[in-house]
Amino acid sequence: MKTVHVKGKVFSGGGEGARFIELPWVRKQIAEKFGFLPYYGTLNVKLTEDNVNLKKLLKKAKAIEISPAKGFRRGRCFKAYFIDNMGCAIVIPEIENYPEGVMEVIAPINLREKFQLKDGDLVGVKITLC
């Protein structure tokens, strides 16, 4: 097992992640595969320049798949740890035109509130790869 440390800046998204996380079939699979019910939203992180190659690495790594309901796209997830070893997961939606240097973090709590984060704050995430 390998751990990859990445850094990026918090930014506000358009709410697409929250709408995805609210879906009952998504919540059920996250609970089963990661052991927590996710907070209704994601923390958007734009990777720093020296971390943008992460997407290429993640495409080759074995992901935990969220199997889609009809009409939805698949999501690739990875177990991760946020500031202070808070258990979380990284979600990489498999949708066209998804920005290359962006990752979405899901957790059982509102990470933005818990860690008093605002847009532009630099955060670190440890991603576990199998």
C-alpha atoms as a PDB file:
ATOM      1  CA  MET A   1       0.000   0.000   0.000  1.00  0.00           C
ATOM      2  CA  LYS A   2       1.281   3.462  -0.923  1.00  0.00           C
ATOM      3  CA  THR A   3       0.401   6.869   0.506  1.00  0.00           C
ATOM      4  CA  VAL A   4       0.537   9.988  -1.639  1.00  0.00           C
ATOM      5  CA  HIS A   5       0.633  13.429  -0.015  1.00  0.00           C
ATOM      6  CA  VAL A   6      -0.942  16.233  -2.046  1.00  0.00           C
ATOM      7  CA  LYS A   7      -1.612  19.909  -1.456  1.00  0.00           C
ATOM      8  CA  GLY A   8      -4.123  22.259  -2.936  1.00  0.00           C
ATOM      9  CA  LYS A   9      -6.206  25.354  -2.389  1.00  0.00           C
ATOM     10  CA  VAL A  10      -9.808  25.327  -1.228  1.00  0.00           C
ATOM     11  CA  PHE A  11     -12.320  26.880  -3.612  1.00  0.00           C
ATOM     12  CA  SER A  12     -16.095  27.137  -3.898  1.00  0.00           C
ATOM     13  CA  GLY A  13     -17.746  24.907  -6.463  1.00  0.00           C
ATOM     14  CA  GLY A  14     -21.097  25.078  -8.177  1.00  0.00           C
ATOM     15  CA  GLY A  15     -22.882  22.595  -5.907  1.00  0.00           C
ATOM     16  CA  GLU A  16     -22.653  19.601  -8.256  1.00  0.00           C
ATOM     17  CA  GLY A  17     -20.803  17.560  -5.635  1.00  0.00           C
ATOM     18  CA  ALA A  18     -23.487  18.238  -3.038  1.00  0.00           C
ATOM     19  CA  ARG A  19     -26.222  17.126  -5.428  1.00  0.00           C
ATOM     20  CA  PHE A  20     -24.315  13.899  -6.111  1.00  0.00           C
ATOM     21  CA  ILE A  21     -23.664  13.181  -2.413  1.00  0.00           C
ATOM     22  CA  GLU A  22     -27.366  13.661  -1.613  1.00  0.00           C
ATOM     23  CA  LEU A  23     -28.397  10.739  -3.846  1.00  0.00           C
ATOM     24  CA  PRO A  24     -29.507   7.754  -1.709  1.00  0.00           C
ATOM     25  CA  TRP A  25     -27.596   5.171  -3.794  1.00  0.00           C
ATOM     26  CA  VAL A  26     -24.405   7.235  -3.486  1.00  0.00           C
ATOM     27  CA  ARG A  27     -24.780   7.656   0.296  1.00  0.00           C
ATOM     28  CA  LYS A  28     -25.419   3.923   0.710  1.00  0.00           C
ATOM     29  CA  GLN A  29     -22.315   2.918  -1.265  1.00  0.00           C
ATOM     30  CA  ILE A  30     -20.090   5.422   0.534  1.00  0.00           C
ATOM     31  CA  ALA A  31     -21.301   4.135   3.906  1.00  0.00           C
ATOM     32  CA  GLU A  32     -20.665   0.525   2.837  1.00  0.00           C
ATOM     33  CA  LYS A  33     -17.274   1.154   1.230  1.00  0.00           C
ATOM     34  CA  PHE A  34     -15.801   3.828   3.509  1.00  0.00           C
ATOM     35  CA  GLY A  35     -17.609   3.289   6.809  1.00  0.00           C
ATOM     36  CA  PHE A  36     -19.195   6.725   7.124  1.00  0.00           C
ATOM     37  CA  LEU A  37     -22.255   8.614   5.932  1.00  0.00           C
ATOM     38  CA  PRO A  38     -20.972  11.637   4.029  1.00  0.00           C
ATOM     39  CA  TYR A  39     -21.791  15.224   4.872  1.00  0.00           C
ATOM     40  CA  TYR A  40     -24.098  16.715   2.215  1.00  0.00           C
ATOM     41  CA  GLY A  41     -21.397  18.350   0.157  1.00  0.00           C
ATOM     42  CA  THR A  42     -17.799  18.105  -0.963  1.00  0.00           C
ATOM     43  CA  LEU A  43     -14.739  20.205  -0.279  1.00  0.00           C
ATOM     44  CA  ASN A  44     -13.294  21.356  -3.598  1.00  0.00           C
ATOM     45  CA  VAL A  45      -9.501  21.463  -3.753  1.00  0.00           C
ATOM     46  CA  LYS A  46      -7.495  22.814  -6.692  1.00  0.00           C
ATOM     47  CA  LEU A  47      -4.139  21.062  -6.695  1.00  0.00           C
ATOM     48  CA  THR A  48      -0.951  23.083  -6.565  1.00  0.00           C
ATOM     49  CA  GLU A  49       1.176  23.012  -9.728  1.00  0.00           C
ATOM     50  CA  ASP A  50       3.548  20.371  -8.369  1.00  0.00           C
ATOM     51  CA  ASN A  51       0.564  18.069  -7.661  1.00  0.00           C
ATOM     52  CA  VAL A  52      -1.378  18.242 -10.940  1.00  0.00           C
ATOM     53  CA  ASN A  53       0.078  14.922 -12.124  1.00  0.00           C
ATOM     54  CA  LEU A  54      -1.942  13.245  -9.376  1.00  0.00           C
ATOM     55  CA  LYS A  55      -4.807  12.571 -11.791  1.00  0.00           C
ATOM     56  CA  LYS A  56      -2.523  10.481 -14.017  1.00  0.00           C
ATOM     57  CA  LEU A  57      -1.354   8.486 -10.998  1.00  0.00           C
ATOM     58  CA  LEU A  58      -4.934   7.948  -9.806  1.00  0.00           C
ATOM     59  CA  LYS A  59      -6.053   6.739 -13.235  1.00  0.00           C
ATOM     60  CA  LYS A  60      -3.517   3.909 -12.959  1.00  0.00           C
ATOM     61  CA  ALA A  61      -4.297   3.101  -9.300  1.00  0.00           C
ATOM     62  CA  LYS A  62      -6.978   0.681  -8.138  1.00  0.00           C
ATOM     63  CA  ALA A  63     -10.001   2.754  -7.150  1.00  0.00           C
ATOM     64  CA  ILE A  64     -13.016   2.055  -4.992  1.00  0.00           C
ATOM     65  CA  GLU A  65     -15.851   2.382  -7.486  1.00  0.00           C
ATOM     66  CA  ILE A  66     -19.218   3.995  -6.882  1.00  0.00           C
ATOM     67  CA  SER A  67     -21.481   2.097  -9.265  1.00  0.00           C
ATOM     68  CA  PRO A  68     -23.920   4.484 -10.923  1.00  0.00           C
ATOM     69  CA  ALA A  69     -27.675   4.283 -11.143  1.00  0.00           C
ATOM     70  CA  LYS A  70     -29.087   4.485 -14.665  1.00  0.00           C
ATOM     71  CA  GLY A  71     -28.393   7.862 -16.259  1.00  0.00           C
ATOM     72  CA  PHE A  72     -25.393   8.678 -14.035  1.00  0.00           C
ATOM     73  CA  ARG A  73     -21.639   8.396 -14.517  1.00  0.00           C
ATOM     74  CA  ARG A  74     -19.260   6.343 -12.436  1.00  0.00           C
ATOM     75  CA  GLY A  75     -17.114   7.867  -9.725  1.00  0.00           C
ATOM     76  CA  ARG A  76     -13.646   6.673  -8.709  1.00  0.00           C
ATOM     77  CA  CYS A  77     -12.889   7.040  -5.011  1.00  0.00           C
ATOM     78  CA  PHE A  78      -9.844   6.658  -2.827  1.00  0.00           C
ATOM     79  CA  LYS A  79      -9.520   6.392   0.930  1.00  0.00           C
ATOM     80  CA  ALA A  80      -7.762   9.456   2.297  1.00  0.00           C
ATOM     81  CA  TYR A  81      -6.926  11.494   5.375  1.00  0.00           C
ATOM     82  CA  PHE A  82      -7.465  15.213   5.731  1.00  0.00           C
ATOM     83  CA  ILE A  83      -5.829  17.637   8.206  1.00  0.00           C
ATOM     84  CA  ASP A  84      -5.190  15.971  11.608  1.00  0.00           C
ATOM     85  CA  ASN A  85      -5.801  12.500  10.146  1.00  0.00           C
ATOM     86  CA  MET A  86      -9.550  13.025   9.642  1.00  0.00           C
ATOM     87  CA  GLY A  87     -10.760   9.977   7.683  1.00  0.00           C
ATOM     88  CA  CYS A  88     -12.273  10.968   4.358  1.00  0.00           C
ATOM     89  CA  ALA A  89     -12.386   9.981   0.691  1.00  0.00           C
ATOM     90  CA  ILE A  90     -11.394  11.571  -2.585  1.00  0.00           C
ATOM     91  CA  VAL A  91     -13.968  11.455  -5.367  1.00  0.00           C
ATOM     92  CA  ILE A  92     -12.969  11.748  -9.011  1.00  0.00           C
ATOM     93  CA  PRO A  93     -16.150  11.989 -11.102  1.00  0.00           C
ATOM     94  CA  GLU A  94     -15.819  10.360 -14.507  1.00  0.00           C
ATOM     95  CA  ILE A  95     -17.523  13.110 -16.442  1.00  0.00           C
ATOM     96  CA  GLU A  96     -16.452  14.938 -19.563  1.00  0.00           C
ATOM     97  CA  ASN A  97     -14.586  18.213 -19.109  1.00  0.00           C
ATOM     98  CA  TYR A  98     -13.980  17.620 -15.396  1.00  0.00           C
ATOM     99  CA  PRO A  99     -11.048  19.923 -14.510  1.00  0.00           C
ATOM    100  CA  GLU A 100      -7.704  18.128 -14.483  1.00  0.00           C
ATOM    101  CA  GLY A 101      -6.265  19.739 -11.355  1.00  0.00           C
ATOM    102  CA  VAL A 102      -9.317  19.408  -9.083  1.00  0.00           C
ATOM    103  CA  MET A 103     -10.298  16.833  -6.486  1.00  0.00           C
ATOM    104  CA  GLU A 104     -13.363  16.607  -4.291  1.00  0.00           C
ATOM    105  CA  VAL A 105     -13.082  15.528  -0.666  1.00  0.00           C
ATOM    106  CA  ILE A 106     -15.977  13.882   1.167  1.00  0.00           C
ATOM    107  CA  ALA A 107     -16.110  13.274   4.910  1.00  0.00           C
ATOM    108  CA  PRO A 108     -18.654  12.547   7.639  1.00  0.00           C
ATOM    109  CA  ILE A 109     -18.544  16.228   8.676  1.00  0.00           C
ATOM    110  CA  ASN A 110     -18.441  19.647   7.047  1.00  0.00           C
ATOM    111  CA  LEU A 111     -14.668  20.056   6.596  1.00  0.00           C
ATOM    112  CA  ARG A 112     -14.943  23.740   5.741  1.00  0.00           C
ATOM    113  CA  GLU A 113     -16.649  24.473   9.081  1.00  0.00           C
ATOM    114  CA  LYS A 114     -14.632  22.041  11.225  1.00  0.00           C
ATOM    115  CA  PHE A 115     -11.294  23.474  10.120  1.00  0.00           C
ATOM    116  CA  GLN A 116     -12.571  27.054   9.515  1.00  0.00           C
ATOM    117  CA  LEU A 117     -11.471  26.964   5.884  1.00  0.00           C
ATOM    118  CA  LYS A 118     -12.055  29.695   3.371  1.00  0.00           C
ATOM    119  CA  ASP A 119     -11.396  29.939  -0.347  1.00  0.00           C
ATOM    120  CA  GLY A 120      -7.663  30.130  -1.041  1.00  0.00           C
ATOM    121  CA  ASP A 121      -6.557  28.218   2.087  1.00  0.00           C
ATOM    122  CA  LEU A 122      -3.844  25.651   1.423  1.00  0.00           C
ATOM    123  CA  VAL A 123      -4.699  22.135   2.661  1.00  0.00           C
ATOM    124  CA  GLY A 124      -3.013  18.755   2.608  1.00  0.00           C
ATOM    125  CA  VAL A 125      -4.515  15.355   1.910  1.00  0.00           C
ATOM    126  CA  LYS A 126      -2.938  11.898   2.275  1.00  0.00           C
ATOM    127  CA  ILE A 127      -4.380   9.483  -0.280  1.00  0.00           C
ATOM    128  CA  THR A 128      -4.038   5.728   0.231  1.00  0.00           C
ATOM    129  CA  LEU A 129      -3.407   3.738  -2.950  1.00  0.00           C
ATOM    130  CA  CYS A 130      -3.659  -0.061  -3.198  1.00  0.00           C
END
